[in-house]
Structures are given as C-alpha cells and as structure tokens.
C-alpha cells in the first residue's frame, strides 16, 4: 500500500547557493525530488555514470547546459538527460525556479563533478 508524501514533512536539504531540495522518493531504482533555485543560481557541471534524469519545470524558466549546448526549458515543460551527459541546470532569471527531478536509478553515489 502506498504512502502519501507531503513536501512539508519530506526530507529537506540545501545545496549550492541557498537552493532547496525535498526528497519525495528515494529507492535504489528511483529518486524523485522537488527543488527550488533562487534567481542567479546554478549547479556544478557534472555527469552521472548510470542514472538518467528527467527535469520538469513547475514554475519559472530553467537553463540547461548539456555537453556545452544551452537549452531553455519553460514552465510546464521538461527535458531528459541521459547517463554520461555532462550537464548542469541554472536559473539565469531573477524569478524563483521550481522543478521536479526524477532519476532512474538513484543518483546516490553516481555523480562525478567535472573540474575546471
């Protein structure tokens, strides 16, 4: 039987420059997080060896950098990032960015930061 997940009681952590993450589901085979990025923030360039990720923008506009290509993803749209793809998400606006990131399998211990 399924358990109802509430963002208000979900595990929460901060990352980057005051960005929020709520862990809605986290198993070996699947991770679902809701994240919030203030304007002008970004994550580090990285890749996942095994995990593919689907990002879905709930509010705002996300800028993705995938293998050096800049891709703008508008509200209520999403993008799939396949394993081994060098990428990062940025909020290049002044508005808050809210999105879901669904990873399969989980990205726990499957993240390689690219230096430089």
N, C-alpha and C. Protein backbone atom coordinates (compact mmCIF):
# COMPACT_ATOMS: atom_id res chain seq x y z
N UNK A 1 0.84 -1.18 0.00
CA UNK A 1 0.00 0.00 0.00
C UNK A 1 0.89 1.24 0.00
N UNK A 2 0.54 2.23 -0.81
CA UNK A 2 1.37 3.43 -0.95
C UNK A 2 1.25 4.38 0.22
N UNK A 3 2.30 5.14 0.41
CA UNK A 3 2.35 6.16 1.46
C UNK A 3 2.23 7.52 0.80
N UNK A 4 1.36 8.37 1.32
CA UNK A 4 1.21 9.73 0.81
C UNK A 4 2.42 10.55 1.25
N UNK A 5 3.03 11.24 0.31
CA UNK A 5 4.21 12.05 0.59
C UNK A 5 3.80 13.52 0.62
N UNK A 6 4.26 14.22 1.62
CA UNK A 6 3.96 15.63 1.79
C UNK A 6 5.29 16.39 1.77
N UNK A 7 5.41 17.37 0.90
CA UNK A 7 6.66 18.13 0.81
C UNK A 7 7.01 18.78 2.15
N UNK A 8 5.99 19.17 2.92
CA UNK A 8 6.23 19.83 4.20
C UNK A 8 6.88 18.92 5.23
N UNK A 9 6.74 17.61 5.07
CA UNK A 9 7.34 16.68 6.02
C UNK A 9 8.43 15.81 5.38
N UNK A 10 8.68 16.01 4.08
CA UNK A 10 9.71 15.24 3.38
C UNK A 10 11.10 15.67 3.85
N UNK A 11 12.07 14.77 3.69
CA UNK A 11 13.47 15.12 3.98
C UNK A 11 13.85 16.33 3.13
N UNK A 12 14.53 17.29 3.74
CA UNK A 12 14.91 18.53 3.06
C UNK A 12 16.39 18.79 3.26
N UNK A 13 17.03 19.32 2.23
CA UNK A 13 18.42 19.75 2.39
C UNK A 13 18.68 20.94 1.47
N UNK A 14 19.71 21.70 1.79
CA UNK A 14 20.16 22.83 0.98
C UNK A 14 21.36 22.41 0.15
N UNK A 15 21.46 22.94 -1.06
CA UNK A 15 22.61 22.67 -1.91
C UNK A 15 22.97 23.96 -2.64
N UNK A 16 24.20 24.00 -3.16
CA UNK A 16 24.63 25.17 -3.92
C UNK A 16 24.48 26.45 -3.14
N UNK A 17 24.01 27.49 -3.82
CA UNK A 17 23.87 28.82 -3.23
C UNK A 17 22.43 29.03 -2.75
N UNK A 18 22.09 28.40 -1.61
CA UNK A 18 20.77 28.52 -1.00
C UNK A 18 19.64 27.92 -1.83
N UNK A 19 19.93 26.81 -2.52
CA UNK A 19 18.92 26.08 -3.28
C UNK A 19 18.34 24.99 -2.37
N UNK A 20 17.05 24.71 -2.54
CA UNK A 20 16.35 23.73 -1.72
C UNK A 20 16.09 22.45 -2.48
N UNK A 21 16.08 21.34 -1.75
CA UNK A 21 15.68 20.05 -2.31
C UNK A 21 14.84 19.30 -1.29
N UNK A 22 13.68 18.79 -1.74
CA UNK A 22 12.82 17.95 -0.92
C UNK A 22 12.83 16.57 -1.54
N UNK A 23 13.17 15.56 -0.76
CA UNK A 23 13.25 14.18 -1.25
C UNK A 23 11.85 13.56 -1.12
N UNK A 24 11.18 13.36 -2.25
CA UNK A 24 9.83 12.82 -2.26
C UNK A 24 9.82 11.30 -2.33
N UNK A 25 10.84 10.74 -2.98
CA UNK A 25 11.00 9.28 -3.05
C UNK A 25 12.48 9.01 -3.29
N UNK A 26 13.00 7.98 -2.65
CA UNK A 26 14.40 7.63 -2.86
C UNK A 26 14.60 6.14 -2.59
N UNK A 27 14.65 5.39 -3.67
CA UNK A 27 14.94 3.96 -3.60
C UNK A 27 16.15 3.71 -4.50
N UNK A 28 16.65 2.50 -4.49
CA UNK A 28 17.80 2.17 -5.35
C UNK A 28 17.46 2.42 -6.82
N UNK A 29 16.22 2.13 -7.21
CA UNK A 29 15.84 2.24 -8.61
C UNK A 29 15.25 3.56 -9.03
N UNK A 30 14.89 4.44 -8.06
CA UNK A 30 14.17 5.67 -8.42
C UNK A 30 14.37 6.74 -7.36
N UNK A 31 14.59 7.97 -7.82
CA UNK A 31 14.67 9.13 -6.94
C UNK A 31 13.77 10.22 -7.52
N UNK A 32 12.95 10.83 -6.66
CA UNK A 32 12.10 11.94 -7.07
C UNK A 32 12.32 13.06 -6.07
N UNK A 33 12.71 14.23 -6.59
CA UNK A 33 12.96 15.39 -5.74
C UNK A 33 12.25 16.61 -6.32
N UNK A 34 11.77 17.47 -5.43
CA UNK A 34 11.29 18.78 -5.84
C UNK A 34 12.34 19.77 -5.40
N UNK A 35 12.75 20.64 -6.31
CA UNK A 35 13.83 21.56 -6.00
C UNK A 35 13.44 22.99 -6.31
N UNK A 36 14.12 23.90 -5.62
CA UNK A 36 13.88 25.34 -5.80
C UNK A 36 15.23 26.02 -5.92
N UNK A 37 15.35 26.87 -6.94
CA UNK A 37 16.57 27.64 -7.14
C UNK A 37 16.23 29.13 -7.18
N UNK A 38 16.85 29.94 -6.32
CA UNK A 38 16.66 31.39 -6.42
C UNK A 38 17.26 31.91 -7.73
N UNK A 39 16.84 33.10 -8.12
CA UNK A 39 17.39 33.72 -9.33
C UNK A 39 18.90 33.83 -9.26
N UNK A 40 19.56 33.63 -10.40
CA UNK A 40 21.01 33.80 -10.50
C UNK A 40 21.83 32.67 -9.91
N UNK A 41 21.24 31.49 -9.72
CA UNK A 41 21.99 30.36 -9.16
C UNK A 41 22.19 29.28 -10.20
N UNK A 42 23.18 28.41 -9.95
CA UNK A 42 23.43 27.28 -10.85
C UNK A 42 24.12 26.17 -10.07
N UNK A 43 24.09 24.97 -10.64
CA UNK A 43 24.82 23.87 -10.02
C UNK A 43 26.13 23.66 -10.77
N UNK A 44 26.94 22.73 -10.29
CA UNK A 44 28.23 22.45 -10.91
C UNK A 44 28.07 21.52 -12.11
N UNK A 45 28.96 21.68 -13.08
CA UNK A 45 29.00 20.79 -14.22
C UNK A 45 29.35 19.38 -13.73
N UNK A 46 28.57 18.38 -14.15
CA UNK A 46 28.77 17.02 -13.67
C UNK A 46 28.14 16.04 -14.65
N UNK A 47 28.30 14.75 -14.36
CA UNK A 47 27.59 13.71 -15.09
C UNK A 47 27.30 12.56 -14.15
N UNK A 48 26.36 11.71 -14.57
CA UNK A 48 26.02 10.50 -13.83
C UNK A 48 26.39 9.32 -14.70
N UNK A 49 27.08 8.36 -14.13
CA UNK A 49 27.52 7.19 -14.89
C UNK A 49 26.34 6.32 -15.29
N UNK A 50 25.40 6.09 -14.36
CA UNK A 50 24.30 5.16 -14.60
C UNK A 50 22.93 5.80 -14.71
N UNK A 51 22.71 6.89 -14.01
CA UNK A 51 21.36 7.47 -13.90
C UNK A 51 20.99 8.34 -15.09
N UNK A 52 19.75 8.18 -15.53
CA UNK A 52 19.14 9.14 -16.43
C UNK A 52 18.24 10.01 -15.55
N UNK A 53 18.05 11.28 -15.99
CA UNK A 53 17.25 12.19 -15.19
C UNK A 53 16.25 12.91 -16.08
N UNK A 54 15.05 13.08 -15.54
CA UNK A 54 14.03 13.88 -16.21
C UNK A 54 13.72 15.06 -15.32
N UNK A 55 13.91 16.26 -15.86
CA UNK A 55 13.63 17.50 -15.16
C UNK A 55 12.33 18.08 -15.70
N UNK A 56 11.41 18.46 -14.81
CA UNK A 56 10.14 19.05 -15.22
C UNK A 56 9.97 20.36 -14.48
N UNK A 57 9.87 21.46 -15.24
CA UNK A 57 9.78 22.80 -14.66
C UNK A 57 8.34 23.08 -14.22
N UNK A 58 8.18 23.31 -12.92
CA UNK A 58 6.86 23.64 -12.37
C UNK A 58 6.58 25.13 -12.45
N UNK A 59 7.60 25.94 -12.16
CA UNK A 59 7.45 27.40 -12.14
C UNK A 59 8.76 28.04 -12.52
N UNK A 60 8.72 28.98 -13.43
CA UNK A 60 9.91 29.69 -13.85
C UNK A 60 10.48 29.15 -15.15
N UNK A 61 11.72 29.52 -15.42
CA UNK A 61 12.43 29.11 -16.63
C UNK A 61 13.79 28.57 -16.25
N UNK A 62 14.09 27.36 -16.72
CA UNK A 62 15.38 26.73 -16.43
C UNK A 62 16.28 26.83 -17.65
N UNK A 63 17.56 27.00 -17.41
CA UNK A 63 18.56 26.94 -18.47
C UNK A 63 19.43 25.73 -18.18
N UNK A 64 19.49 24.83 -19.15
CA UNK A 64 20.30 23.63 -19.03
C UNK A 64 21.50 23.76 -19.96
N UNK A 65 22.63 23.28 -19.50
CA UNK A 65 23.83 23.17 -20.31
C UNK A 65 24.13 21.68 -20.42
N UNK A 66 23.97 21.13 -21.62
CA UNK A 66 24.20 19.71 -21.88
C UNK A 66 25.29 19.59 -22.93
N UNK A 67 26.42 19.02 -22.52
CA UNK A 67 27.56 18.84 -23.44
C UNK A 67 27.90 20.16 -24.14
N UNK A 68 27.81 21.28 -23.41
CA UNK A 68 28.16 22.59 -23.93
C UNK A 68 27.04 23.31 -24.67
N UNK A 69 25.91 22.66 -24.88
CA UNK A 69 24.77 23.28 -25.56
C UNK A 69 23.83 23.88 -24.54
N UNK A 70 23.37 25.10 -24.81
CA UNK A 70 22.44 25.81 -23.93
C UNK A 70 21.01 25.53 -24.39
N UNK A 71 20.17 25.06 -23.46
CA UNK A 71 18.78 24.73 -23.78
C UNK A 71 17.89 25.39 -22.73
N UNK A 72 16.94 26.19 -23.19
CA UNK A 72 15.99 26.86 -22.31
C UNK A 72 14.74 25.97 -22.19
N UNK A 73 14.32 25.72 -20.95
CA UNK A 73 13.11 24.91 -20.71
C UNK A 73 12.12 25.78 -19.94
N UNK A 74 10.98 26.02 -20.56
CA UNK A 74 9.95 26.88 -19.99
C UNK A 74 9.08 26.13 -18.98
N UNK A 75 8.30 26.90 -18.26
CA UNK A 75 7.35 26.36 -17.28
C UNK A 75 6.43 25.32 -17.92
N UNK A 76 6.19 24.24 -17.20
CA UNK A 76 5.33 23.13 -17.63
C UNK A 76 5.90 22.34 -18.80
N UNK A 77 7.22 22.39 -18.93
CA UNK A 77 7.93 21.59 -19.94
C UNK A 77 9.07 20.85 -19.23
N UNK A 78 9.60 19.82 -19.91
CA UNK A 78 10.65 19.03 -19.29
C UNK A 78 11.72 18.63 -20.27
N UNK A 79 12.78 18.03 -19.73
CA UNK A 79 13.90 17.58 -20.56
C UNK A 79 14.50 16.33 -19.93
N UNK A 80 14.87 15.38 -20.79
CA UNK A 80 15.52 14.14 -20.37
C UNK A 80 17.03 14.27 -20.55
N UNK A 81 17.78 13.94 -19.50
CA UNK A 81 19.23 13.95 -19.55
C UNK A 81 19.70 12.52 -19.39
N UNK A 82 20.33 11.99 -20.41
CA UNK A 82 20.75 10.59 -20.41
C UNK A 82 22.05 10.40 -19.62
N UNK A 83 22.31 9.16 -19.18
CA UNK A 83 23.57 8.89 -18.46
C UNK A 83 24.79 9.32 -19.28
N UNK A 84 25.86 9.67 -18.59
CA UNK A 84 27.14 10.06 -19.18
C UNK A 84 27.12 11.46 -19.81
N UNK A 85 25.98 12.17 -19.77
CA UNK A 85 25.88 13.51 -20.37
C UNK A 85 26.38 14.55 -19.38
N UNK A 86 27.40 15.31 -19.77
CA UNK A 86 27.90 16.40 -18.93
C UNK A 86 26.83 17.50 -18.94
N UNK A 87 26.40 17.90 -17.73
CA UNK A 87 25.30 18.86 -17.67
C UNK A 87 25.27 19.63 -16.36
N UNK A 88 24.49 20.72 -16.38
CA UNK A 88 24.09 21.41 -15.17
C UNK A 88 22.88 22.27 -15.48
N UNK A 89 22.12 22.58 -14.42
CA UNK A 89 20.96 23.44 -14.52
C UNK A 89 21.31 24.78 -13.91
N UNK A 90 20.75 25.85 -14.49
CA UNK A 90 20.97 27.20 -13.99
C UNK A 90 19.65 27.96 -14.01
N UNK A 91 19.52 28.88 -13.09
CA UNK A 91 18.40 29.82 -13.11
C UNK A 91 18.99 31.17 -13.48
N UNK A 92 18.91 31.52 -14.74
CA UNK A 92 19.52 32.75 -15.23
C UNK A 92 18.53 33.91 -15.25
N UNK A 93 17.45 33.76 -14.48
CA UNK A 93 16.47 34.83 -14.35
C UNK A 93 16.52 35.38 -12.93
N UNK A 94 15.68 36.38 -12.64
CA UNK A 94 15.59 36.91 -11.28
C UNK A 94 14.46 36.23 -10.52
N UNK A 95 13.62 35.48 -11.21
CA UNK A 95 12.49 34.78 -10.61
C UNK A 95 12.92 33.44 -10.01
N UNK A 96 12.18 32.97 -9.04
CA UNK A 96 12.41 31.65 -8.45
C UNK A 96 12.11 30.56 -9.48
N UNK A 97 12.88 29.47 -9.43
CA UNK A 97 12.68 28.31 -10.30
C UNK A 97 12.32 27.12 -9.44
N UNK A 98 11.17 26.49 -9.74
CA UNK A 98 10.73 25.27 -9.05
C UNK A 98 10.63 24.16 -10.07
N UNK A 99 11.18 22.98 -9.75
CA UNK A 99 11.15 21.88 -10.71
C UNK A 99 11.20 20.54 -9.99
N UNK A 100 10.80 19.51 -10.72
CA UNK A 100 10.96 18.13 -10.26
C UNK A 100 12.15 17.54 -10.99
N UNK A 101 12.92 16.71 -10.29
CA UNK A 101 13.97 15.93 -10.94
C UNK A 101 13.75 14.48 -10.56
N UNK A 102 13.56 13.67 -11.59
CA UNK A 102 13.28 12.25 -11.42
C UNK A 102 14.48 11.49 -11.98
N UNK A 103 15.11 10.70 -11.14
CA UNK A 103 16.33 9.99 -11.54
C UNK A 103 16.11 8.49 -11.46
N UNK A 104 16.59 7.79 -12.49
CA UNK A 104 16.44 6.33 -12.53
C UNK A 104 17.70 5.71 -13.10
N UNK A 105 18.44 4.91 -12.29
CA UNK A 105 18.25 4.68 -10.86
C UNK A 105 18.63 5.93 -10.07
N UNK A 106 18.66 5.83 -8.75
CA UNK A 106 19.03 6.97 -7.91
C UNK A 106 20.41 7.50 -8.29
N UNK A 107 20.65 8.78 -8.00
CA UNK A 107 21.97 9.37 -8.26
C UNK A 107 22.88 9.28 -7.04
N UNK A 108 22.42 8.67 -5.96
CA UNK A 108 23.27 8.49 -4.78
C UNK A 108 24.54 7.73 -5.19
N UNK A 109 25.69 8.29 -4.90
CA UNK A 109 27.00 7.72 -5.26
C UNK A 109 27.19 7.56 -6.76
N UNK A 110 26.47 8.34 -7.55
CA UNK A 110 26.58 8.28 -9.02
C UNK A 110 26.63 9.69 -9.59
N UNK A 111 27.55 10.51 -9.08
CA UNK A 111 27.70 11.88 -9.54
C UNK A 111 29.19 12.19 -9.61
N UNK A 112 29.66 12.57 -10.77
CA UNK A 112 31.05 12.93 -10.95
C UNK A 112 31.11 14.42 -11.33
N UNK A 113 31.71 15.22 -10.44
CA UNK A 113 31.90 16.65 -10.69
C UNK A 113 33.05 16.81 -11.67
N UNK A 114 32.87 17.68 -12.64
CA UNK A 114 33.91 17.95 -13.63
C UNK A 114 34.65 19.21 -13.20
N UNK A 115 35.94 19.08 -12.97
CA UNK A 115 36.76 20.20 -12.52
C UNK A 115 37.02 21.13 -13.71
N UNK A 116 37.12 22.43 -13.36
CA UNK A 116 37.51 23.41 -14.36
C UNK A 116 36.47 23.92 -15.18
